[in-house]
Amino acid sequence: MAHFSGVLCIDELHEGRHKTLLLATDPLNDFTVAWEIVDKNDQASMDAFLDSIQAMGFDVKVAITDGSPLYKEALIERWQGLEHQLCVFHVIKEINALVLQALRQLRVKLPKPKKYRRGRPSKRGRKRKKDTRRKFVQEHQHLLVKREDRWTDEDRANWQQLVEYIPEAAVLRDFVNRTFSLFEPGITKQTASQRRRRLVDDPRYQNFPDLVKAIRKLSKEKFAKMITFLGWSNVDRTNNHVERNNRIFRFVQKTRYKRRRRHTILQALWLHILLRWRRHPFYDLNAERLAGPYMIGPSQAEERAA
C-alpha cells in the first residue's frame, strides 16, 4: 500500500469458457495489486473486483484499461476525480485494420491483366498472365501502417511502387501519419485536440467508407480518455504492463494441465506472484534504494501551460 504509485492497470485473461482472471497491476512500481478468478466476465464480477481494491484502501488517480464497456462507469463511481486512460494500442490496432481494409478495396478494383486471346478456350498447361500488381500490393500492404521512421531503403522503394499502382494509397498513408501524431509524447492535450479536429474535418477522407468508420473511433468523448497520459509526466498510454504479466503467467501455466480448476489456478498464481515479489526491490524493506515509491506527476507540458 505504501508503494502504490496511484496508477492502476486492469485487464482480463480468459481461462477457458467459464473462468476469467481479473488482474490489476501498478505499472510504475512494477508489482501486482490484486487478482481474482470469476466464473462469468460480466459487470457484477468487475464491480466486485473493483470494490475489493477500493476496500483495501488504494487511492487510484489514473486507471489504464482497454475499451471494454465494463470499465466505463465503474471506475468513476468508486474513485472520485479518477482519470481514465484508454489503451491507445488497442484503438490504433482497430483503426489500422480499417485502413488496410480500405486498401484492399482499392486493390480489388485494379484492372485484371488481359488474357492471351479473348474468347479462346484455355488448354491444359497453358500459362496465364499473372496479376503482378495485385500480388505486389498484397505483399507490401503492411507498409501502409508501419511507422516511417522504421522503414528501410527497400521499404521506401516498395512504397513508391505501391503508390504508382494505387495513387489513393498516399491519402491513406497521410491519414495513418496524422493518427500517429495525435498521441505524440510531449505535446499538450490542447495540441492533440486541435490535430484531431483538423483530421476529422479533412474532406479527403470522406471518400473512403472505411476511413469514415475509423474517424468514428476518434469521437470527442473517447479521444479525451485516450490522451489522459499527456497530462502526466510518467503515465503510459497503453495497458501493456498488465498484459505482459498475463502473458508471463500464461507461459508458465501453458504446459501444466492440472492448473485448470479455479483453486489450482489461484494457487499457481499465488506462487508466481510471490516469486516475482521476492525479486522485487521493494521486498527488502531495509535496502537503501527504497528511498520512496515512484509516484505519478504532472507533465512538463501541463506545468508550462499552467
Foldseek 3Di string as FASTA:
>chain_A
DQQAFQEKEWDWDDQPDFKIKIWIDRVQQQATQDIAIGRDPDLVVVLVRVVVSVVVPRQHAEYEYEPDPSPVVSVCVRHPNHAYFHQPVVLLVLLVVLLLVLVVVVLVPQDADDFPDPPDDDDPPDDTDDRVLSVLCVVLVVLLQDDPVPDDPVNVVSVVVNCVRPVCSVVSSVLNVLSVVLADAPDAPVVSVVSLVVSLPDVVQVVGVSSPVSNVSCDPVNVSNQRPCNFWADDDSHSVSVVVVVVVLCVVCVPPVVCNDRVSVVVSVVVVSVVVLVVRPVNPVPDPVPPGHDHIGTHPNVVVVD
